[in-house]
Amino acid sequence: MTFAQLARLAGTPSATELPAAELRPAAGSGPIARLRRVSRTYGAGAAAVPALRDIDLALARGGFTVIAGPSGSGKSTLLQLIGALDRPDAGGSVEIDGTPLDTLDDDARADFRARRLGFVFQNFNLLPVLTALENVEYPMQLAGGSAAARRDRARQLLAEVGLAGKEDRRPGELSGGQRQRVAIARALANQPALVLADEPTANLDRATGAEIIALMRRMQRQLGTSFVFSSHDAQLMSRADVLVALVDGRIAGAQP
C-alpha cells in the first residue's frame, strides 16, 4: 500500500510525499520521540528478517500521530521501540522525552516505562480479578505515592473517561468500549509524557471505535499528552495531526 493510498483511505486531502528527513509533525514544540538510523532485524544469517530499515523520525511533543501501514509493514515493531519494549539493531538510537533509551539497563527501562509512558492495547490487557478502579490504580502502585492519592486520581480519571459509577465493576462486567475506556484511564494514571496505543480500535465496532477516538483526542488536547498510534483504522487516520506511512519497514511519507 502506497502513502497516497493510505491518505485516500483516511479520507484526508492529498499531500506531497516527504522523505524521512523532512518529517515535521505539526502539533506541540520539541520532539517527544526521536529515532535515528533505526533498523530492527529478527533472526540472523539466511533466516534474518528485516522488520524496520533505516528509520529517521522526530515526533513533536503534544501531537496525535498515527503510524499506518498494511500488516507486516513494521508499525507494531516501531511502536515497541518507541515504548522501550525492544531495542534497535546496533547503530540505531531512540530518544524519548529527552532520555536516550540505549543508556538504560533493563531495570531502568522498566522504571522508565512505568513512570513516563502509558500503553493502550488492542485486547485491553486489564487484570480480570481487579475492578475498574483497581486496574487504573495499579500502575500508580508501581510508581509509589499514597493510597488515598492513588484512589482519588483513579476515580477522577474514570469520571473523565465517562465511567463514573462503574468503578467497582470488573472487566467481565463491562462492554468492549467500556474496557477500552478503563485502559485509557490506566494509561494516563501516572501523567505520562507519551501514550502509545497499538490498534486500540481493532476489537471495537465502528461506532464504539469513533467514540474511543474522540475520547483519546479530547484527553490529548485537555492534558497535553502526546499520543502515538499504530493502526490501519481509517477513522483514526483521519483524526491524526500527522499520518506516518510505513511500507516494508520503511517510511514512505508523512502527511501533516
Protein backbone atom coordinates (compact mmCIF):
# COMPACT_ATOMS: atom_id res chain seq x y z
CA MET A 1 0.00 0.00 0.00
CA THR A 2 1.44 3.36 -1.00
CA PHE A 3 1.37 6.57 1.01
CA ALA A 4 -1.16 8.09 -1.38
CA GLN A 5 -3.44 5.07 -0.93
CA LEU A 6 -3.21 5.44 2.86
CA ALA A 7 -4.10 9.12 2.58
CA ARG A 8 -7.12 8.30 0.40
CA LEU A 9 -8.21 5.59 2.85
CA ALA A 10 -8.09 8.11 5.66
CA GLY A 11 -10.31 10.48 3.69
CA THR A 12 -7.80 13.31 4.03
CA PRO A 13 -6.66 15.74 1.31
CA SER A 14 -3.82 14.63 -0.92
CA ALA A 15 -0.36 15.68 0.19
CA THR A 16 3.12 15.64 -1.25
CA GLU A 17 5.15 12.67 -0.11
CA LEU A 18 8.05 13.66 2.12
CA PRO A 19 11.36 11.84 2.61
CA ALA A 20 12.05 10.74 6.18
CA ALA A 21 14.49 13.58 6.80
CA GLU A 22 11.74 16.14 6.17
CA LEU A 23 9.06 14.77 8.52
CA ARG A 24 7.75 17.62 10.65
CA PRO A 25 4.78 16.89 12.95
CA ALA A 26 2.59 19.96 13.25
CA ALA A 27 1.47 19.79 16.89
CA GLY A 28 3.46 20.70 20.00
CA SER A 29 7.00 22.01 20.22
CA GLY A 30 10.18 19.96 20.54
CA PRO A 31 10.34 16.22 19.95
CA ILE A 32 8.78 13.76 22.35
CA ALA A 33 10.44 10.97 20.35
CA ARG A 34 13.49 10.99 18.12
CA LEU A 35 14.72 7.96 16.20
CA ARG A 36 17.99 7.95 14.26
CA ARG A 37 19.13 5.24 11.83
CA VAL A 38 16.80 2.73 13.46
CA SER A 39 16.57 -0.75 12.00
CA ARG A 40 15.24 -3.92 13.59
CA THR A 41 16.08 -7.37 12.28
CA TYR A 42 14.77 -10.65 13.65
CA GLY A 43 16.87 -13.77 13.28
CA ALA A 44 20.34 -13.96 11.77
CA GLY A 45 22.12 -15.10 8.65
CA ALA A 46 19.93 -16.66 5.99
CA ALA A 47 16.97 -16.57 8.40
CA ALA A 48 17.25 -12.81 9.05
CA VAL A 49 14.01 -10.89 8.56
CA PRO A 50 14.24 -7.06 8.49
CA ALA A 51 11.20 -5.53 10.19
CA LEU A 52 12.41 -1.91 10.08
CA ARG A 53 15.04 -0.29 7.86
CA ASP A 54 16.89 2.99 8.50
CA ILE A 55 14.12 4.90 10.24
CA ASP A 56 14.79 8.58 10.94
CA LEU A 57 11.85 10.24 12.65
CA ALA A 58 11.10 13.07 15.07
CA LEU A 59 7.65 13.35 16.67
CA ALA A 60 6.65 16.67 18.21
CA ARG A 61 5.51 16.90 21.80
CA GLY A 62 1.76 17.08 22.31
CA GLY A 63 0.88 15.51 18.95
CA PHE A 64 -1.72 12.95 17.87
CA THR A 65 0.32 10.79 15.49
CA VAL A 66 -0.81 7.68 13.63
CA ILE A 67 1.71 5.22 12.21
CA ALA A 68 -0.18 3.44 9.45
CA GLY A 69 0.54 0.64 7.05
CA PRO A 70 -0.56 -2.82 5.96
CA SER A 71 0.05 -5.93 8.06
CA GLY A 72 3.75 -6.70 8.19
CA SER A 73 4.82 -3.13 7.45
CA GLY A 74 6.62 -2.77 10.80
CA LYS A 75 4.26 -0.40 12.61
CA SER A 76 3.91 -2.52 15.77
CA THR A 77 7.68 -3.07 15.85
CA LEU A 78 8.21 0.69 15.62
CA LEU A 79 5.78 1.27 18.48
CA GLN A 80 7.61 -1.31 20.63
CA LEU A 81 10.90 0.50 20.06
CA ILE A 82 9.38 3.87 20.97
CA GLY A 83 7.86 2.24 24.06
CA ALA A 84 11.20 0.85 25.33
CA LEU A 85 9.85 -2.68 24.90
CA ASP A 86 12.51 -3.64 22.35
CA ARG A 87 15.93 -2.45 21.22
CA PRO A 88 17.05 -1.44 17.71
CA ASP A 89 19.89 -3.06 15.82
CA ALA A 90 23.39 -1.76 16.51
CA GLY A 91 23.94 1.75 15.24
CA GLY A 92 20.39 2.96 15.81
CA SER A 93 19.21 5.19 18.64
CA VAL A 94 15.86 6.01 20.24
CA GLU A 95 15.37 9.04 22.49
CA ILE A 96 12.08 9.52 24.36
CA ASP A 97 11.24 12.71 26.25
CA GLY A 98 14.92 13.65 26.27
CA THR A 99 16.15 10.28 27.53
CA PRO A 100 18.38 8.13 25.27
CA LEU A 101 16.99 4.63 25.78
CA ASP A 102 20.30 2.96 24.96
CA THR A 103 21.71 4.36 28.23
CA LEU A 104 19.17 2.40 30.30
CA ASP A 105 19.59 -1.17 31.52
CA ASP A 106 16.58 -3.49 31.74
CA ASP A 107 15.56 -2.36 35.25
CA ALA A 108 15.88 1.32 34.36
CA ARG A 109 13.85 0.77 31.18
CA ALA A 110 11.09 -0.89 33.19
CA ASP A 111 11.05 2.06 35.60
CA PHE A 112 11.03 4.49 32.67
CA ARG A 113 8.03 2.73 31.12
CA ALA A 114 6.15 2.75 34.43
CA ARG A 115 6.72 6.44 35.16
CA ARG A 116 6.99 8.16 31.77
CA LEU A 117 4.89 6.11 29.34
CA GLY A 118 1.31 4.90 29.08
CA PHE A 119 0.08 1.98 26.97
CA VAL A 120 -3.28 1.12 25.39
CA PHE A 121 -3.61 -2.32 23.82
CA GLN A 122 -5.86 -3.85 21.20
CA ASN A 123 -7.03 -6.51 23.69
CA PHE A 124 -7.32 -4.05 26.61
CA ASN A 125 -4.97 -6.12 28.86
CA LEU A 126 -6.95 -5.38 32.00
CA LEU A 127 -6.48 -7.61 35.06
CA PRO A 128 -9.74 -9.60 35.24
CA VAL A 129 -9.74 -10.05 39.02
CA LEU A 130 -9.47 -6.31 39.67
CA THR A 131 -12.23 -3.73 39.47
CA ALA A 132 -12.09 -0.82 37.04
CA LEU A 133 -10.86 1.41 39.86
CA GLU A 134 -8.18 -1.08 40.89
CA ASN A 135 -6.99 -1.51 37.31
CA VAL A 136 -6.48 2.25 36.96
CA GLU A 137 -4.83 2.42 40.37
CA TYR A 138 -2.43 -0.47 39.69
CA PRO A 139 0.28 1.42 37.70
CA MET A 140 0.26 4.12 40.39
CA GLN A 141 1.06 1.47 43.00
CA LEU A 142 4.13 0.52 40.96
CA ALA A 143 5.22 4.17 40.83
CA GLY A 144 4.60 4.88 44.53
CA GLY A 145 2.53 7.58 46.23
CA SER A 146 -0.10 7.46 48.96
CA ALA A 147 -3.06 5.09 48.73
CA ALA A 148 -5.54 7.95 49.18
CA ALA A 149 -3.99 10.00 46.37
CA ARG A 150 -3.95 6.98 44.08
CA ARG A 151 -7.60 6.21 44.76
CA ASP A 152 -8.67 9.82 44.22
CA ARG A 153 -6.82 10.07 40.91
CA ALA A 154 -8.24 6.76 39.70
CA ARG A 155 -11.77 7.94 40.45
CA GLN A 156 -11.13 11.25 38.71
CA LEU A 157 -9.76 9.54 35.59
CA LEU A 158 -12.67 7.10 35.38
CA ALA A 159 -15.06 10.04 35.60
CA GLU A 160 -13.09 11.83 32.85
CA VAL A 161 -13.50 8.85 30.51
CA GLY A 162 -17.23 8.56 31.23
CA LEU A 163 -17.24 5.68 33.72
CA ALA A 164 -18.36 7.40 36.93
CA GLY A 165 -20.49 4.93 38.85
CA LYS A 166 -18.78 1.88 37.31
CA GLU A 167 -15.66 1.94 39.48
CA ASP A 168 -16.47 -1.38 41.19
CA ARG A 169 -17.18 -3.37 38.04
CA ARG A 170 -14.71 -5.96 36.86
CA PRO A 171 -13.69 -6.16 33.17
CA GLY A 172 -16.05 -9.09 32.55
CA GLU A 173 -18.95 -6.86 33.58
CA LEU A 174 -18.06 -4.12 31.07
CA SER A 175 -18.56 -3.79 27.32
CA GLY A 176 -15.59 -3.67 24.95
CA GLY A 177 -15.83 0.10 24.67
CA GLN A 178 -16.03 0.49 28.45
CA ARG A 179 -12.99 -1.76 28.90
CA GLN A 180 -11.02 0.39 26.47
CA ARG A 181 -12.07 3.48 28.43
CA VAL A 182 -10.64 1.85 31.57
CA ALA A 183 -7.46 1.09 29.63
CA ILE A 184 -7.16 4.74 28.55
CA ALA A 185 -7.64 5.92 32.12
CA ARG A 186 -4.98 3.45 33.26
CA ALA A 187 -2.57 4.67 30.57
CA LEU A 188 -2.95 8.23 31.89
CA ALA A 189 -2.67 7.30 35.57
CA ASN A 190 0.96 8.35 36.08
CA GLN A 191 0.64 11.51 33.97
CA PRO A 192 2.90 10.17 31.21
CA ALA A 193 4.55 12.37 28.64
CA LEU A 194 3.64 9.86 25.93
CA VAL A 195 0.83 7.33 25.43
CA LEU A 196 1.37 4.52 22.91
CA ALA A 197 -1.68 2.75 21.52
CA ASP A 198 -1.38 -0.39 19.38
CA GLU A 199 -4.51 -0.88 17.22
CA PRO A 200 -6.77 0.50 20.00
CA THR A 201 -9.98 0.28 17.94
CA ALA A 202 -9.37 -3.05 16.22
CA ASN A 203 -11.67 -5.04 18.51
CA LEU A 204 -14.45 -2.46 18.59
CA ASP A 205 -17.38 -1.84 16.26
CA ARG A 206 -17.24 1.30 14.13
CA ALA A 207 -19.49 3.45 16.33
CA THR A 208 -17.69 2.47 19.55
CA GLY A 209 -14.34 2.98 17.83
CA ALA A 210 -15.35 6.51 16.87
CA GLU A 211 -16.27 7.24 20.50
CA ILE A 212 -12.92 5.94 21.72
CA ILE A 213 -11.02 8.01 19.13
CA ALA A 214 -12.94 11.13 20.17
CA LEU A 215 -12.19 10.38 23.83
CA MET A 216 -8.46 10.00 23.23
CA ARG A 217 -8.41 13.16 21.14
CA ARG A 218 -10.16 15.07 23.93
CA MET A 219 -7.76 13.74 26.58
CA GLN A 220 -4.77 14.60 24.39
CA ARG A 221 -5.95 18.19 24.00
CA GLN A 222 -7.04 18.54 27.62
CA LEU A 223 -3.86 17.13 29.17
CA GLY A 224 -1.29 17.99 26.51
CA THR A 225 -0.17 14.36 26.44
CA SER A 226 1.45 13.05 23.26
CA PHE A 227 -0.34 10.10 21.63
CA VAL A 228 1.26 7.77 19.07
CA PHE A 229 -0.80 5.00 17.47
CA SER A 230 -0.20 2.06 15.21
CA SER A 231 -3.33 1.48 13.19
CA HIS A 232 -4.94 0.89 9.82
CA ASP A 233 -8.31 2.27 11.03
CA ALA A 234 -9.43 4.92 8.54
CA GLN A 235 -11.38 6.77 11.25
CA LEU A 236 -8.29 7.10 13.42
CA MET A 237 -6.07 8.03 10.48
CA SER A 238 -8.44 10.84 9.53
CA ARG A 239 -8.14 12.39 13.02
CA ALA A 240 -4.34 12.42 13.11
CA ASP A 241 -2.21 15.56 13.32
CA VAL A 242 0.41 13.57 11.43
CA LEU A 243 -0.03 10.37 9.45
CA VAL A 244 3.21 8.43 9.04
CA ALA A 245 3.04 5.72 6.37
CA LEU A 246 5.19 2.60 6.71
CA VAL A 247 5.70 0.25 3.78
CA ASP A 248 8.02 -2.77 4.01
CA GLY A 249 9.72 -1.42 7.10
CA ARG A 250 10.50 1.99 5.63
CA ILE A 251 8.83 5.37 5.99
CA ALA A 252 7.02 6.07 2.73
CA GLY A 253 5.98 9.59 3.73
CA ALA A 254 4.06 11.72 6.19
CA GLN A 255 1.03 13.94 5.93
CA PRO A 256 0.90 16.76 8.49
